Every structure is written in structure tokens, then in C-alpha cells.
Amino acid sequence: MILKDRDHMAEAARRTATREEMSRKAPEPSLGNRLGQIGILGWAIVMPMLIGIFLGRMADRGFSTGIFFTAPAILIGAAIGFYSAWKWMHRQ
């Protein structure tokens, strides 16, 4: 019984030492760095949507169709933006 407790304590000490070593090698990013990442993600989503609005409005003016092209262009822009943000997050 006492031997098992010592083994658990030794394993816990090894895990703690490993975590501390990993945190020294790769420290947690600063608050400013995190806010910058949030800003990049926001623009990665918003910019394709804005481009979709612009292109959709141009097509609607050219064909005199109201918002026939604008609505799908916004959705396509959002899909592209969310996909690019997802890919960027998984690269980080």
C-alpha cells in the first residue's frame, strides 16, 4: 500500500516537472498577442464578406435585380472567411 502511494507521488512529481519544463520552453502568449490574434480572425471573416457585398451590389446594379446577387455573395464571403479563419487557427 505504501509503495503504491509512493509510485503515485513520484509519477505526479514527474508530470509536474515535465509541465514546468514545457512552460519554460514555450511560455503562454501575452494579452496583447491574444488580442492581436482575435483582430486577425475578425478581419479574416469580415473582409471576404465586405468583398461579397461590394461585388454583389455591383452585379445587382448591372442587372437591376435588387439584392438577388448581394445576399448569396455575403453568404459565400462568410463561408470563405470562416474557412480561412479555421485554417489559420489550426496553423497556430
C-alpha atoms as a PDB file:
ATOM      1  CA  MET A   1       0.000   0.000   0.000  1.00  0.00           C
ATOM      2  CA  ILE A   2       2.732   2.462   0.943  1.00  0.00           C
ATOM      3  CA  LEU A   3       4.711   1.525  -2.183  1.00  0.00           C
ATOM      4  CA  LYS A   4       1.725   2.312  -4.428  1.00  0.00           C
ATOM      5  CA  ASP A   5       1.307   5.728  -2.779  1.00  0.00           C
ATOM      6  CA  ARG A   6       4.985   6.493  -3.384  1.00  0.00           C
ATOM      7  CA  ASP A   7       4.655   5.459  -7.033  1.00  0.00           C
ATOM      8  CA  HIS A   8       1.684   7.792  -7.487  1.00  0.00           C
ATOM      9  CA  MET A   9       3.572  10.613  -5.779  1.00  0.00           C
ATOM     10  CA  ALA A  10       6.651  10.020  -7.956  1.00  0.00           C
ATOM     11  CA  GLU A  11       4.508   9.983 -11.109  1.00  0.00           C
ATOM     12  CA  ALA A  12       2.777  13.210 -10.069  1.00  0.00           C
ATOM     13  CA  ALA A  13       6.153  14.846  -9.410  1.00  0.00           C
ATOM     14  CA  ARG A  14       7.416  13.753 -12.850  1.00  0.00           C
ATOM     15  CA  ARG A  15       4.309  15.164 -14.559  1.00  0.00           C
ATOM     16  CA  THR A  16       4.683  18.458 -12.685  1.00  0.00           C
ATOM     17  CA  ALA A  17       8.356  18.732 -13.631  1.00  0.00           C
ATOM     18  CA  THR A  18       7.515  17.978 -17.276  1.00  0.00           C
ATOM     19  CA  ARG A  19       4.778  20.654 -17.336  1.00  0.00           C
ATOM     20  CA  GLU A  20       7.118  23.227 -15.770  1.00  0.00           C
ATOM     21  CA  GLU A  21       9.823  22.458 -18.329  1.00  0.00           C
ATOM     22  CA  MET A  22       7.338  22.775 -21.197  1.00  0.00           C
ATOM     23  CA  SER A  23       6.083  26.131 -19.865  1.00  0.00           C
ATOM     24  CA  ARG A  24       9.667  27.433 -19.733  1.00  0.00           C
ATOM     25  CA  LYS A  25      10.331  26.355 -23.330  1.00  0.00           C
ATOM     26  CA  ALA A  26       7.041  27.719 -24.765  1.00  0.00           C
ATOM     27  CA  PRO A  27       5.549  30.398 -22.464  1.00  0.00           C
ATOM     28  CA  GLU A  28       1.902  31.456 -22.682  1.00  0.00           C
ATOM     29  CA  PRO A  29       1.338  34.309 -25.175  1.00  0.00           C
ATOM     30  CA  SER A  30       0.756  37.793 -23.746  1.00  0.00           C
ATOM     31  CA  LEU A  31      -2.616  39.527 -23.616  1.00  0.00           C
ATOM     32  CA  GLY A  32      -1.590  41.821 -26.461  1.00  0.00           C
ATOM     33  CA  ASN A  33      -0.658  38.830 -28.587  1.00  0.00           C
ATOM     34  CA  ARG A  34      -4.027  37.200 -27.901  1.00  0.00           C
ATOM     35  CA  LEU A  35      -5.908  40.416 -28.762  1.00  0.00           C
ATOM     36  CA  GLY A  36      -3.925  40.641 -31.991  1.00  0.00           C
ATOM     37  CA  GLN A  37      -4.960  37.105 -32.892  1.00  0.00           C
ATOM     38  CA  ILE A  38      -8.604  37.974 -32.247  1.00  0.00           C
ATOM     39  CA  GLY A  39      -8.253  41.009 -34.516  1.00  0.00           C
ATOM     40  CA  ILE A  40      -6.711  38.945 -37.292  1.00  0.00           C
ATOM     41  CA  LEU A  41      -9.535  36.407 -37.038  1.00  0.00           C
ATOM     42  CA  GLY A  42     -12.132  39.161 -37.147  1.00  0.00           C
ATOM     43  CA  TRP A  43     -10.689  40.703 -40.289  1.00  0.00           C
ATOM     44  CA  ALA A  44     -10.247  37.272 -41.875  1.00  0.00           C
ATOM     45  CA  ILE A  45     -14.008  36.778 -41.542  1.00  0.00           C
ATOM     46  CA  VAL A  46     -15.209  40.331 -42.257  1.00  0.00           C
ATOM     47  CA  MET A  47     -13.112  41.145 -45.327  1.00  0.00           C
ATOM     48  CA  PRO A  48     -14.478  38.369 -47.588  1.00  0.00           C
ATOM     49  CA  MET A  49     -17.992  39.365 -46.535  1.00  0.00           C
ATOM     50  CA  LEU A  50     -17.329  43.011 -47.426  1.00  0.00           C
ATOM     51  CA  ILE A  51     -15.880  41.956 -50.772  1.00  0.00           C
ATOM     52  CA  GLY A  52     -19.008  39.851 -51.328  1.00  0.00           C
ATOM     53  CA  ILE A  53     -21.217  42.843 -50.560  1.00  0.00           C
ATOM     54  CA  PHE A  54     -19.255  45.028 -52.955  1.00  0.00           C
ATOM     55  CA  LEU A  55     -19.282  42.502 -55.798  1.00  0.00           C
ATOM     56  CA  GLY A  56     -22.932  41.590 -55.200  1.00  0.00           C
ATOM     57  CA  ARG A  57     -24.020  45.233 -55.258  1.00  0.00           C
ATOM     58  CA  MET A  58     -22.082  45.794 -58.486  1.00  0.00           C
ATOM     59  CA  ALA A  59     -23.805  42.793 -60.086  1.00  0.00           C
ATOM     60  CA  ASP A  60     -27.206  43.912 -58.790  1.00  0.00           C
ATOM     61  CA  ARG A  61     -26.730  47.399 -60.226  1.00  0.00           C
ATOM     62  CA  GLY A  62     -25.583  45.983 -63.531  1.00  0.00           C
ATOM     63  CA  PHE A  63     -28.522  43.621 -63.871  1.00  0.00           C
ATOM     64  CA  SER A  64     -31.085  45.781 -61.948  1.00  0.00           C
ATOM     65  CA  THR A  65     -32.022  42.855 -59.680  1.00  0.00           C
ATOM     66  CA  GLY A  66     -32.397  44.395 -56.188  1.00  0.00           C
ATOM     67  CA  ILE A  67     -30.427  42.154 -53.808  1.00  0.00           C
ATOM     68  CA  PHE A  68     -30.510  38.993 -55.892  1.00  0.00           C
ATOM     69  CA  PHE A  69     -26.691  38.743 -56.112  1.00  0.00           C
ATOM     70  CA  THR A  70     -25.795  40.549 -52.877  1.00  0.00           C
ATOM     71  CA  ALA A  71     -27.368  38.057 -50.462  1.00  0.00           C
ATOM     72  CA  PRO A  72     -25.619  34.959 -51.851  1.00  0.00           C
ATOM     73  CA  ALA A  73     -22.357  36.903 -52.194  1.00  0.00           C
ATOM     74  CA  ILE A  74     -22.472  37.744 -48.477  1.00  0.00           C
ATOM     75  CA  LEU A  75     -23.029  34.085 -47.610  1.00  0.00           C
ATOM     76  CA  ILE A  76     -20.227  32.957 -49.900  1.00  0.00           C
ATOM     77  CA  GLY A  77     -17.936  35.600 -48.385  1.00  0.00           C
ATOM     78  CA  ALA A  78     -18.847  34.430 -44.877  1.00  0.00           C
ATOM     79  CA  ALA A  79     -18.128  30.804 -45.802  1.00  0.00           C
ATOM     80  CA  ILE A  80     -14.742  31.762 -47.252  1.00  0.00           C
ATOM     81  CA  GLY A  81     -13.967  33.910 -44.193  1.00  0.00           C
ATOM     82  CA  PHE A  82     -14.884  31.255 -41.659  1.00  0.00           C
ATOM     83  CA  TYR A  83     -12.941  28.620 -43.574  1.00  0.00           C
ATOM     84  CA  SER A  84      -9.823  30.792 -43.788  1.00  0.00           C
ATOM     85  CA  ALA A  85     -10.094  31.670 -40.072  1.00  0.00           C
ATOM     86  CA  TRP A  86     -10.469  27.992 -39.198  1.00  0.00           C
ATOM     87  CA  LYS A  87      -7.404  27.085 -41.274  1.00  0.00           C
ATOM     88  CA  TRP A  88      -5.391  29.940 -39.711  1.00  0.00           C
ATOM     89  CA  MET A  89      -6.336  28.837 -36.180  1.00  0.00           C
ATOM     90  CA  HIS A  90      -5.197  25.296 -36.836  1.00  0.00           C
ATOM     91  CA  ARG A  91      -1.840  26.505 -38.170  1.00  0.00           C
ATOM     92  CA  GLN A  92      -1.129  28.464 -34.968  1.00  0.00           C
END
